[in-house]
PDB file of N, CA and C in Angstrom:
ATOM      1  N   MET A   1     -41.459   5.752  15.608  1.00  0.00           N
ATOM      2  CA  MET A   1     -40.148   5.861  14.979  1.00  0.00           C
ATOM      3  C   MET A   1     -39.369   4.584  15.263  1.00  0.00           C
ATOM      4  N   SER A   2     -38.765   4.023  14.253  1.00  0.00           N
ATOM      5  CA  SER A   2     -37.984   2.805  14.432  1.00  0.00           C
ATOM      6  C   SER A   2     -36.512   3.165  14.575  1.00  0.00           C
ATOM      7  N   ALA A   3     -35.783   2.301  15.232  1.00  0.00           N
ATOM      8  CA  ALA A   3     -34.356   2.534  15.451  1.00  0.00           C
ATOM      9  C   ALA A   3     -33.572   2.059  14.237  1.00  0.00           C
ATOM     10  N   ILE A   4     -32.574   2.819  13.873  1.00  0.00           N
ATOM     11  CA  ILE A   4     -31.702   2.450  12.764  1.00  0.00           C
ATOM     12  C   ILE A   4     -30.313   2.237  13.348  1.00  0.00           C
ATOM     13  N   PHE A   5     -29.771   1.044  13.134  1.00  0.00           N
ATOM     14  CA  PHE A   5     -28.434   0.735  13.623  1.00  0.00           C
ATOM     15  C   PHE A   5     -27.453   0.879  12.472  1.00  0.00           C
ATOM     16  N   LEU A   6     -26.395   1.618  12.719  1.00  0.00           N
ATOM     17  CA  LEU A   6     -25.382   1.841  11.697  1.00  0.00           C
ATOM     18  C   LEU A   6     -24.101   1.129  12.096  1.00  0.00           C
ATOM     19  N   TYR A   7     -23.407   0.598  11.098  1.00  0.00           N
ATOM     20  CA  TYR A   7     -22.175  -0.141  11.333  1.00  0.00           C
ATOM     21  C   TYR A   7     -21.082   0.402  10.424  1.00  0.00           C
ATOM     22  N   GLU A   8     -19.848   0.332  10.895  1.00  0.00           N
ATOM     23  CA  GLU A   8     -18.711   0.721  10.064  1.00  0.00           C
ATOM     24  C   GLU A   8     -18.030  -0.553   9.584  1.00  0.00           C
ATOM     25  N   ASP A   9     -17.598  -0.545   8.320  1.00  0.00           N
ATOM     26  CA  ASP A   9     -16.998  -1.749   7.743  1.00  0.00           C
ATOM     27  C   ASP A   9     -15.490  -1.834   7.946  1.00  0.00           C
ATOM     28  N   GLY A  10     -14.895  -0.903   8.685  1.00  0.00           N
ATOM     29  CA  GLY A  10     -13.459  -0.932   8.917  1.00  0.00           C
ATOM     30  C   GLY A  10     -12.674  -0.178   7.857  1.00  0.00           C
ATOM     31  N   GLN A  11     -13.350   0.285   6.830  1.00  0.00           N
ATOM     32  CA  GLN A  11     -12.720   1.044   5.748  1.00  0.00           C
ATOM     33  C   GLN A  11     -13.207   2.490   5.744  1.00  0.00           C
ATOM     34  N   GLY A  12     -13.945   2.871   6.792  1.00  0.00           N
ATOM     35  CA  GLY A  12     -14.445   4.234   6.891  1.00  0.00           C
ATOM     36  C   GLY A  12     -15.836   4.414   6.309  1.00  0.00           C
ATOM     37  N   GLU A  13     -16.428   3.354   5.770  1.00  0.00           N
ATOM     38  CA  GLU A  13     -17.777   3.427   5.213  1.00  0.00           C
ATOM     39  C   GLU A  13     -18.783   3.003   6.279  1.00  0.00           C
ATOM     40  N   ILE A  14     -19.933   3.667   6.286  1.00  0.00           N
ATOM     41  CA  ILE A  14     -20.965   3.377   7.280  1.00  0.00           C
ATOM     42  C   ILE A  14     -22.188   2.820   6.561  1.00  0.00           C
ATOM     43  N   TYR A  15     -22.712   1.687   7.088  1.00  0.00           N
ATOM     44  CA  TYR A  15     -23.853   1.009   6.494  1.00  0.00           C
ATOM     45  C   TYR A  15     -24.900   0.731   7.554  1.00  0.00           C
ATOM     46  N   ASP A  16     -26.146   0.528   7.089  1.00  0.00           N
ATOM     47  CA  ASP A  16     -27.188   0.104   8.024  1.00  0.00           C
ATOM     48  C   ASP A  16     -27.208  -1.418   8.089  1.00  0.00           C
ATOM     49  N   GLN A  17     -28.148  -1.983   8.870  1.00  0.00           N
ATOM     50  CA  GLN A  17     -28.156  -3.431   9.067  1.00  0.00           C
ATOM     51  C   GLN A  17     -28.517  -4.204   7.801  1.00  0.00           C
ATOM     52  N   SER A  18     -29.072  -3.539   6.791  1.00  0.00           N
ATOM     53  CA  SER A  18     -29.404  -4.205   5.531  1.00  0.00           C
ATOM     54  C   SER A  18     -28.268  -4.138   4.522  1.00  0.00           C
ATOM     55  N   GLY A  19     -27.206  -3.407   4.837  1.00  0.00           N
ATOM     56  CA  GLY A  19     -26.078  -3.291   3.927  1.00  0.00           C
ATOM     57  C   GLY A  19     -26.145  -2.068   3.032  1.00  0.00           C
ATOM     58  N   ASN A  20     -27.148  -1.223   3.246  1.00  0.00           N
ATOM     59  CA  ASN A  20     -27.271  -0.008   2.442  1.00  0.00           C
ATOM     60  C   ASN A  20     -26.359   1.080   3.002  1.00  0.00           C
ATOM     61  N   ASP A  21     -25.861   1.934   2.108  1.00  0.00           N
ATOM     62  CA  ASP A  21     -24.995   3.031   2.524  1.00  0.00           C
ATOM     63  C   ASP A  21     -25.785   3.989   3.420  1.00  0.00           C
ATOM     64  N   ALA A  22     -25.186   4.401   4.521  1.00  0.00           N
ATOM     65  CA  ALA A  22     -25.876   5.258   5.483  1.00  0.00           C
ATOM     66  C   ALA A  22     -26.194   6.622   4.887  1.00  0.00           C
ATOM     67  N   MET A  23     -25.413   7.085   3.943  1.00  0.00           N
ATOM     68  CA  MET A  23     -25.665   8.393   3.345  1.00  0.00           C
ATOM     69  C   MET A  23     -26.850   8.355   2.388  1.00  0.00           C
ATOM     70  N   ASP A  24     -27.240   7.157   1.940  1.00  0.00           N
ATOM     71  CA  ASP A  24     -28.373   7.028   1.028  1.00  0.00           C
ATOM     72  C   ASP A  24     -29.693   6.875   1.767  1.00  0.00           C
ATOM     73  N   LEU A  25     -29.656   6.786   3.086  1.00  0.00           N
ATOM     74  CA  LEU A  25     -30.880   6.610   3.856  1.00  0.00           C
ATOM     75  C   LEU A  25     -31.757   7.843   3.743  1.00  0.00           C
ATOM     76  N   GLU A  26     -33.062   7.605   3.572  1.00  0.00           N
ATOM     77  CA  GLU A  26     -34.009   8.715   3.591  1.00  0.00           C
ATOM     78  C   GLU A  26     -34.549   8.797   5.008  1.00  0.00           C
ATOM     79  N   LEU A  27     -34.071   9.766   5.712  1.00  0.00           N
ATOM     80  CA  LEU A  27     -34.445   9.913   7.110  1.00  0.00           C
ATOM     81  C   LEU A  27     -35.733  10.710   7.226  1.00  0.00           C
ATOM     82  N   GLU A  28     -36.434  10.463   8.314  1.00  0.00           N
ATOM     83  CA  GLU A  28     -37.639  11.234   8.581  1.00  0.00           C
ATOM     84  C   GLU A  28     -37.242  12.681   8.835  1.00  0.00           C
ATOM     85  N   GLU A  29     -38.184  13.570   8.683  1.00  0.00           N
ATOM     86  CA  GLU A  29     -37.876  14.987   8.816  1.00  0.00           C
ATOM     87  C   GLU A  29     -37.433  15.368  10.220  1.00  0.00           C
ATOM     88  N   ASP A  30     -37.924  14.657  11.231  1.00  0.00           N
ATOM     89  CA  ASP A  30     -37.579  15.024  12.602  1.00  0.00           C
ATOM     90  C   ASP A  30     -36.213  14.478  13.027  1.00  0.00           C
ATOM     91  N   VAL A  31     -35.576  13.663  12.187  1.00  0.00           N
ATOM     92  CA  VAL A  31     -34.258  13.128  12.501  1.00  0.00           C
ATOM     93  C   VAL A  31     -33.209  14.089  11.943  1.00  0.00           C
ATOM     94  N   ASN A  32     -32.254  14.431  12.769  1.00  0.00           N
ATOM     95  CA  ASN A  32     -31.229  15.401  12.389  1.00  0.00           C
ATOM     96  C   ASN A  32     -29.948  14.656  12.009  1.00  0.00           C
ATOM     97  N   SER A  33     -29.292  15.087  10.930  1.00  0.00           N
ATOM     98  CA  SER A  33     -28.041  14.443  10.527  1.00  0.00           C
ATOM     99  C   SER A  33     -26.913  14.767  11.504  1.00  0.00           C
ATOM    100  N   PHE A  34     -27.178  15.688  12.424  1.00  0.00           N
ATOM    101  CA  PHE A  34     -26.203  16.053  13.449  1.00  0.00           C
ATOM    102  C   PHE A  34     -25.814  14.834  14.277  1.00  0.00           C
ATOM    103  N   HIS A  35     -26.747  13.903  14.498  1.00  0.00           N
ATOM    104  CA  HIS A  35     -26.482  12.732  15.332  1.00  0.00           C
ATOM    105  C   HIS A  35     -25.392  11.844  14.730  1.00  0.00           C
ATOM    106  N   LEU A  36     -25.403  11.686  13.422  1.00  0.00           N
ATOM    107  CA  LEU A  36     -24.387  10.875  12.762  1.00  0.00           C
ATOM    108  C   LEU A  36     -23.008  11.515  12.924  1.00  0.00           C
ATOM    109  N   GLU A  37     -22.936  12.835  12.754  1.00  0.00           N
ATOM    110  CA  GLU A  37     -21.669  13.534  12.936  1.00  0.00           C
ATOM    111  C   GLU A  37     -21.193  13.428  14.379  1.00  0.00           C
ATOM    112  N   THR A  38     -22.120  13.493  15.320  1.00  0.00           N
ATOM    113  CA  THR A  38     -21.768  13.391  16.736  1.00  0.00           C
ATOM    114  C   THR A  38     -21.179  12.016  17.038  1.00  0.00           C
ATOM    115  N   LEU A  39     -21.776  10.970  16.477  1.00  0.00           N
ATOM    116  CA  LEU A  39     -21.255   9.623  16.693  1.00  0.00           C
ATOM    117  C   LEU A  39     -19.838   9.487  16.143  1.00  0.00           C
ATOM    118  N   ILE A  40     -19.590  10.075  14.984  1.00  0.00           N
ATOM    119  CA  ILE A  40     -18.255  10.007  14.392  1.00  0.00           C
ATOM    120  C   ILE A  40     -17.259  10.755  15.269  1.00  0.00           C
ATOM    121  N   ASN A  41     -17.658  11.923  15.766  1.00  0.00           N
ATOM    122  CA  ASN A  41     -16.769  12.707  16.629  1.00  0.00           C
ATOM    123  C   ASN A  41     -16.478  11.986  17.941  1.00  0.00           C
ATOM    124  N   VAL A  42     -17.473  11.312  18.503  1.00  0.00           N
ATOM    125  CA  VAL A  42     -17.269  10.563  19.743  1.00  0.00           C
ATOM    126  C   VAL A  42     -16.276   9.427  19.499  1.00  0.00           C
ATOM    127  N   ARG A  43     -16.396   8.766  18.362  1.00  0.00           N
ATOM    128  CA  ARG A  43     -15.475   7.665  18.048  1.00  0.00           C
ATOM    129  C   ARG A  43     -14.046   8.178  17.902  1.00  0.00           C
ATOM    130  N   ARG A  44     -13.877   9.295  17.209  1.00  0.00           N
ATOM    131  CA  ARG A  44     -12.533   9.870  17.055  1.00  0.00           C
ATOM    132  C   ARG A  44     -11.955  10.247  18.415  1.00  0.00           C
ATOM    133  N   TYR A  45     -12.807  10.785  19.276  1.00  0.00           N
ATOM    134  CA  TYR A  45     -12.355  11.148  20.621  1.00  0.00           C
ATOM    135  C   TYR A  45     -11.880   9.904  21.374  1.00  0.00           C
ATOM    136  N   CYS A  46     -12.652   8.836  21.300  1.00  0.00           N
ATOM    137  CA  CYS A  46     -12.282   7.604  22.007  1.00  0.00           C
ATOM    138  C   CYS A  46     -10.972   7.037  21.465  1.00  0.00           C
ATOM    139  N   GLU A  47     -10.770   7.110  20.153  1.00  0.00           N
ATOM    140  CA  GLU A  47      -9.522   6.616  19.573  1.00  0.00           C
ATOM    141  C   GLU A  47      -8.331   7.455  20.007  1.00  0.00           C
ATOM    142  N   SER A  48      -8.533   8.747  20.170  1.00  0.00           N
ATOM    143  CA  SER A  48      -7.421   9.614  20.569  1.00  0.00           C
ATOM    144  C   SER A  48      -7.033   9.402  22.028  1.00  0.00           C
ATOM    145  N   GLN A  49      -7.915   8.837  22.823  1.00  0.00           N
ATOM    146  CA  GLN A  49      -7.614   8.611  24.227  1.00  0.00           C
ATOM    147  C   GLN A  49      -6.517   7.570  24.400  1.00  0.00           C
ATOM    148  N   GLY A  50      -6.381   6.644  23.466  1.00  0.00           N
ATOM    149  CA  GLY A  50      -5.315   5.650  23.532  1.00  0.00           C
ATOM    150  C   GLY A  50      -3.947   6.299  23.427  1.00  0.00           C
ATOM    151  N   GLN A  51      -3.823   7.303  22.566  1.00  0.00           N
ATOM    152  CA  GLN A  51      -2.557   8.013  22.415  1.00  0.00           C
ATOM    153  C   GLN A  51      -2.225   8.780  23.685  1.00  0.00           C
ATOM    154  N   GLU A  52      -3.233   9.334  24.321  1.00  0.00           N
ATOM    155  CA  GLU A  52      -3.007  10.080  25.560  1.00  0.00           C
ATOM    156  C   GLU A  52      -2.536   9.138  26.666  1.00  0.00           C
ATOM    157  N   GLU A  53      -3.071   7.927  26.678  1.00  0.00           N
ATOM    158  CA  GLU A  53      -2.651   6.938  27.675  1.00  0.00           C
ATOM    159  C   GLU A  53      -1.167   6.620  27.542  1.00  0.00           C
ATOM    160  N   GLU A  54      -0.688   6.468  26.306  1.00  0.00           N
ATOM    161  CA  GLU A  54       0.732   6.190  26.080  1.00  0.00           C
ATOM    162  C   GLU A  54       1.587   7.332  26.613  1.00  0.00           C
ATOM    163  N   SER A  55       1.138   8.549  26.377  1.00  0.00           N
ATOM    164  CA  SER A  55       1.882   9.717  26.849  1.00  0.00           C
ATOM    165  C   SER A  55       1.921   9.744  28.372  1.00  0.00           C
ATOM    166  N   LEU A  56       0.802   9.427  29.010  1.00  0.00           N
ATOM    167  CA  LEU A  56       0.764   9.400  30.474  1.00  0.00           C
ATOM    168  C   LEU A  56       1.657   8.294  31.021  1.00  0.00           C
ATOM    169  N   MET A  57       1.723   7.166  30.315  1.00  0.00           N
ATOM    170  CA  MET A  57       2.561   6.058  30.753  1.00  0.00           C
ATOM    171  C   MET A  57       4.033   6.447  30.694  1.00  0.00           C
ATOM    172  N   LYS A  58       4.438   7.173  29.633  1.00  0.00           N
ATOM    173  CA  LYS A  58       5.825   7.627  29.526  1.00  0.00           C
ATOM    174  C   LYS A  58       6.163   8.573  30.676  1.00  0.00           C
ATOM    175  N   ASP A  59       5.227   9.472  31.014  1.00  0.00           N
ATOM    176  CA  ASP A  59       5.446  10.392  32.133  1.00  0.00           C
ATOM    177  C   ASP A  59       5.608   9.622  33.436  1.00  0.00           C
ATOM    178  N   LEU A  60       4.791   8.593  33.625  1.00  0.00           N
ATOM    179  CA  LEU A  60       4.853   7.793  34.840  1.00  0.00           C
ATOM    180  C   LEU A  60       6.194   7.072  34.943  1.00  0.00           C
ATOM    181  N   VAL A  61       6.660   6.502  33.832  1.00  0.00           N
ATOM    182  CA  VAL A  61       7.942   5.795  33.826  1.00  0.00           C
ATOM    183  C   VAL A  61       9.074   6.764  34.146  1.00  0.00           C
ATOM    184  N   THR A  62       9.034   7.958  33.577  1.00  0.00           N
ATOM    185  CA  THR A  62      10.066   8.970  33.853  1.00  0.00           C
ATOM    186  C   THR A  62      10.068   9.347  35.322  1.00  0.00           C
ATOM    187  N   ARG A  63       8.897   9.535  35.889  1.00  0.00           N
ATOM    188  CA  ARG A  63       8.807   9.881  37.313  1.00  0.00           C
ATOM    189  C   ARG A  63       9.351   8.762  38.193  1.00  0.00           C
ATOM    190  N   MET A  64       9.046   7.525  37.815  1.00  0.00           N
ATOM    191  CA  MET A  64       9.538   6.399  38.606  1.00  0.00           C
ATOM    192  C   MET A  64      11.062   6.312  38.527  1.00  0.00           C
ATOM    193  N   GLU A  65      11.623   6.561  37.333  1.00  0.00           N
ATOM    194  CA  GLU A  65      13.083   6.539  37.187  1.00  0.00           C
ATOM    195  C   GLU A  65      13.724   7.642  38.020  1.00  0.00           C
ATOM    196  N   ASN A  66      13.122   8.831  38.013  1.00  0.00           N
ATOM    197  CA  ASN A  66      13.654   9.938  38.809  1.00  0.00           C
ATOM    198  C   ASN A  66      13.582   9.630  40.302  1.00  0.00           C
ATOM    199  N   GLU A  67      12.481   9.017  40.728  1.00  0.00           N
ATOM    200  CA  GLU A  67      12.328   8.669  42.144  1.00  0.00           C
ATOM    201  C   GLU A  67      13.375   7.635  42.561  1.00  0.00           C
ATOM    202  N   LYS A  68      13.601   6.644  41.712  1.00  0.00           N
ATOM    203  CA  LYS A  68      14.600   5.617  42.012  1.00  0.00           C
ATOM    204  C   LYS A  68      15.992   6.234  42.114  1.00  0.00           C
ATOM    205  N   ARG A  69      16.309   7.126  41.172  1.00  0.00           N
ATOM    206  CA  ARG A  69      17.624   7.771  41.186  1.00  0.00           C
ATOM    207  C   ARG A  69      17.783   8.652  42.422  1.00  0.00           C
ATOM    208  N   LEU A  70      16.718   9.319  42.838  1.00  0.00           N
ATOM    209  CA  LEU A  70      16.769  10.178  44.019  1.00  0.00           C
ATOM    210  C   LEU A  70      16.973   9.354  45.288  1.00  0.00           C
ATOM    211  N   LYS A  71      16.375   8.146  45.330  1.00  0.00           N
ATOM    212  CA  LYS A  71      16.576   7.273  46.495  1.00  0.00           C
ATOM    213  C   LYS A  71      18.010   6.764  46.564  1.00  0.00           C
ATOM    214  N   GLU A  72      18.582   6.453  45.397  1.00  0.00           N
ATOM    215  CA  GLU A  72      19.949   5.928  45.364  1.00  0.00           C
ATOM    216  C   GLU A  72      20.989   7.012  45.633  1.00  0.00           C
ATOM    217  N   ASP A  73      20.766   8.202  45.105  1.00  0.00           N
ATOM    218  CA  ASP A  73      21.733   9.294  45.244  1.00  0.00           C
ATOM    219  C   ASP A  73      21.017  10.490  45.866  1.00  0.00           C
ATOM    220  N   LYS A  74      21.194  10.667  47.155  1.00  0.00           N
ATOM    221  CA  LYS A  74      20.494  11.727  47.889  1.00  0.00           C
ATOM    222  C   LYS A  74      20.920  13.123  47.441  1.00  0.00           C
ATOM    223  N   ASP A  75      22.122  13.276  46.881  1.00  0.00           N
ATOM    224  CA  ASP A  75      22.620  14.585  46.469  1.00  0.00           C
ATOM    225  C   ASP A  75      22.207  14.957  45.044  1.00  0.00           C
ATOM    226  N   TRP A  76      21.536  14.059  44.352  1.00  0.00           N
ATOM    227  CA  TRP A  76      21.134  14.331  42.976  1.00  0.00           C
ATOM    228  C   TRP A  76      20.056  15.400  42.965  1.00  0.00           C
ATOM    229  N   ASN A  77      20.234  16.408  42.129  1.00  0.00           N
ATOM    230  CA  ASN A  77      19.281  17.503  42.034  1.00  0.00           C
ATOM    231  C   ASN A  77      18.339  17.227  40.872  1.00  0.00           C
ATOM    232  N   ILE A  78      17.081  16.976  41.175  1.00  0.00           N
ATOM    233  CA  ILE A  78      16.109  16.636  40.144  1.00  0.00           C
ATOM    234  C   ILE A  78      15.803  17.834  39.258  1.00  0.00           C
ATOM    235  N   LEU A  79      15.998  19.048  39.776  1.00  0.00           N
ATOM    236  CA  LEU A  79      15.692  20.243  39.003  1.00  0.00           C
ATOM    237  C   LEU A  79      16.849  20.672  38.107  1.00  0.00           C
ATOM    238  N   GLU A  80      17.997  20.041  38.269  1.00  0.00           N
ATOM    239  CA  GLU A  80      19.151  20.392  37.443  1.00  0.00           C
ATOM    240  C   GLU A  80      18.888  19.988  36.005  1.00  0.00           C
ATOM    241  N   LYS A  81      19.197  20.884  35.115  1.00  0.00           N
ATOM    242  CA  LYS A  81      18.963  20.615  33.707  1.00  0.00           C
ATOM    243  C   LYS A  81      19.914  19.523  33.230  1.00  0.00           C
ATOM    244  N   GLN A  82      19.367  18.505  32.597  1.00  0.00           N
ATOM    245  CA  GLN A  82      20.160  17.379  32.118  1.00  0.00           C
ATOM    246  C   GLN A  82      20.599  17.665  30.679  1.00  0.00           C
ATOM    247  N   THR A  83      21.670  18.435  30.520  1.00  0.00           N
ATOM    248  CA  THR A  83      22.149  18.785  29.186  1.00  0.00           C
ATOM    249  C   THR A  83      23.552  18.245  28.974  1.00  0.00           C
ATOM    250  N   ASN A  84      23.994  18.349  27.772  1.00  0.00           N
ATOM    251  CA  ASN A  84      25.344  17.940  27.422  1.00  0.00           C
ATOM    252  C   ASN A  84      26.286  19.055  27.851  1.00  0.00           C
ATOM    253  N   LYS A  85      26.944  18.886  28.965  1.00  0.00           N
ATOM    254  CA  LYS A  85      27.793  19.933  29.514  1.00  0.00           C
ATOM    255  C   LYS A  85      29.186  19.927  28.902  1.00  0.00           C
ATOM    256  N   VAL A  86      29.521  18.933  28.123  1.00  0.00           N
ATOM    257  CA  VAL A  86      30.853  18.837  27.530  1.00  0.00           C
ATOM    258  C   VAL A  86      30.936  19.677  26.262  1.00  0.00           C
ATOM    259  N   ASN A  87      29.933  19.579  25.416  1.00  0.00           N
ATOM    260  CA  ASN A  87      29.987  20.230  24.101  1.00  0.00           C
ATOM    261  C   ASN A  87      29.162  21.508  24.045  1.00  0.00           C
ATOM    262  N   ARG A  88      29.216  22.332  25.042  1.00  0.00           N
ATOM    263  CA  ARG A  88      28.463  23.575  24.971  1.00  0.00           C
ATOM    264  C   ARG A  88      29.406  24.762  24.904  1.00  0.00           C
ATOM    265  N   LYS A  89      28.860  25.881  24.476  1.00  0.00           N
ATOM    266  CA  LYS A  89      29.669  27.087  24.313  1.00  0.00           C
ATOM    267  C   LYS A  89      30.161  27.576  25.670  1.00  0.00           C
ATOM    268  N   THR A  90      31.334  28.202  25.645  1.00  0.00           N
ATOM    269  CA  THR A  90      31.860  28.770  26.884  1.00  0.00           C
ATOM    270  C   THR A  90      31.120  30.059  27.192  1.00  0.00           C
ATOM    271  N   SER A  91      31.117  30.431  28.435  1.00  0.00           N
ATOM    272  CA  SER A  91      30.431  31.634  28.876  1.00  0.00           C
ATOM    273  C   SER A  91      31.074  32.864  28.259  1.00  0.00           C
ATOM    274  N   GLN A  92      30.244  33.825  27.865  1.00  0.00           N
ATOM    275  CA  GLN A  92      30.766  35.055  27.278  1.00  0.00           C
ATOM    276  C   GLN A  92      31.220  36.035  28.356  1.00  0.00           C
ATOM    277  N   LEU A  93      30.707  35.892  29.564  1.00  0.00           N
ATOM    278  CA  LEU A  93      31.106  36.766  30.665  1.00  0.00           C
ATOM    279  C   LEU A  93      32.281  36.149  31.408  1.00  0.00           C
ATOM    280  N   GLN A  94      33.335  36.935  31.565  1.00  0.00           N
ATOM    281  CA  GLN A  94      34.455  36.473  32.363  1.00  0.00           C
ATOM    282  C   GLN A  94      34.190  36.846  33.824  1.00  0.00           C
ATOM    283  N   GLU A  95      35.091  36.442  34.666  1.00  0.00           N
ATOM    284  CA  GLU A  95      34.936  36.655  36.103  1.00  0.00           C
ATOM    285  C   GLU A  95      34.838  38.140  36.447  1.00  0.00           C
ATOM    286  N   GLU A  96      35.588  38.984  35.747  1.00  0.00           N
ATOM    287  CA  GLU A  96      35.559  40.423  36.052  1.00  0.00           C
ATOM    288  C   GLU A  96      34.194  41.035  35.741  1.00  0.00           C
ATOM    289  N   HIS A  97      33.526  40.536  34.703  1.00  0.00           N
ATOM    290  CA  HIS A  97      32.178  41.011  34.396  1.00  0.00           C
ATOM    291  C   HIS A  97      31.209  40.625  35.506  1.00  0.00           C
ATOM    292  N   LYS A  98      31.323  39.408  35.968  1.00  0.00           N
ATOM    293  CA  LYS A  98      30.440  38.930  37.031  1.00  0.00           C
ATOM    294  C   LYS A  98      30.631  39.744  38.302  1.00  0.00           C
ATOM    295  N   VAL A  99      31.882  40.025  38.655  1.00  0.00           N
ATOM    296  CA  VAL A  99      32.177  40.813  39.855  1.00  0.00           C
ATOM    297  C   VAL A  99      31.596  42.213  39.717  1.00  0.00           C
ATOM    298  N   HIS A 100      31.727  42.799  38.529  1.00  0.00           N
ATOM    299  CA  HIS A 100      31.194  44.140  38.299  1.00  0.00           C
ATOM    300  C   HIS A 100      29.674  44.160  38.473  1.00  0.00           C
ATOM    301  N   LEU A 101      28.973  43.185  37.894  1.00  0.00           N
ATOM    302  CA  LEU A 101      27.516  43.138  38.007  1.00  0.00           C
ATOM    303  C   LEU A 101      27.066  42.934  39.447  1.00  0.00           C
ATOM    304  N   ILE A 102      27.734  42.069  40.167  1.00  0.00           N
ATOM    305  CA  ILE A 102      27.376  41.822  41.566  1.00  0.00           C
ATOM    306  C   ILE A 102      27.571  43.086  42.389  1.00  0.00           C
ATOM    307  N   SER A 103      28.681  43.767  42.196  1.00  0.00           N
ATOM    308  CA  SER A 103      28.920  44.999  42.962  1.00  0.00           C
ATOM    309  C   SER A 103      27.929  46.090  42.562  1.00  0.00           C
ATOM    310  N   PHE A 104      27.569  46.145  41.281  1.00  0.00           N
ATOM    311  CA  PHE A 104      26.595  47.140  40.833  1.00  0.00           C
ATOM    312  C   PHE A 104      25.250  46.938  41.526  1.00  0.00           C
ATOM    313  N   TYR A 105      24.763  45.693  41.558  1.00  0.00           N
ATOM    314  CA  TYR A 105      23.477  45.420  42.193  1.00  0.00           C
ATOM    315  C   TYR A 105      23.548  45.581  43.708  1.00  0.00           C
ATOM    316  N   ASP A 106      24.701  45.351  44.287  1.00  0.00           N
ATOM    317  CA  ASP A 106      24.858  45.581  45.725  1.00  0.00           C
ATOM    318  C   ASP A 106      24.788  47.071  46.043  1.00  0.00           C
ATOM    319  N   GLU A 107      25.373  47.906  45.186  1.00  0.00           N
ATOM    320  CA  GLU A 107      25.372  49.351  45.412  1.00  0.00           C
ATOM    321  C   GLU A 107      24.030  49.987  45.062  1.00  0.00           C
ATOM    322  N   HIS A 108      23.342  49.452  44.088  1.00  0.00           N
ATOM    323  CA  HIS A 108      22.069  50.024  43.616  1.00  0.00           C
ATOM    324  C   HIS A 108      20.970  48.953  43.642  1.00  0.00           C
ATOM    325  N   PRO A 109      20.454  48.614  44.807  1.00  0.00           N
ATOM    326  CA  PRO A 109      19.448  47.544  44.876  1.00  0.00           C
ATOM    327  C   PRO A 109      18.137  47.893  44.168  1.00  0.00           C
ATOM    328  N   GLN A 110      17.854  49.179  43.976  1.00  0.00           N
ATOM    329  CA  GLN A 110      16.609  49.572  43.314  1.00  0.00           C
ATOM    330  C   GLN A 110      16.634  49.254  41.813  1.00  0.00           C
ATOM    331  N   SER A 111      17.779  48.955  41.259  1.00  0.00           N
ATOM    332  CA  SER A 111      17.896  48.683  39.824  1.00  0.00           C
ATOM    333  C   SER A 111      17.489  47.259  39.448  1.00  0.00           C
ATOM    334  N   ARG A 112      17.133  46.453  40.401  1.00  0.00           N
ATOM    335  CA  ARG A 112      16.733  45.070  40.109  1.00  0.00           C
ATOM    336  C   ARG A 112      15.432  45.013  39.456  1.00  0.00           C
TER     337      ARG A 112
END
């Protein structure tokens, strides 16, 4: 069995070393077309890894910024939600509701 080398022309077409279209090749019976599909899938996987690297880099930069801020301001809470606290809706529960709920749970701890 001889080896067949396939090349991509950069436009999504696959050719052999003679310039013939890879889909026109008459393969021997023992050669499975599964191998060509596997090569294409491996290439797509390798290309997608570049996008994952960018995502990991953004995560790393965010972590470094958080670490720097934590070193500068010891009281900064990293778990505090960073939201727009100026333009948000006011709480629907007033203080009397909160007091009632706290006293209720204090009197009936099994209701938690």
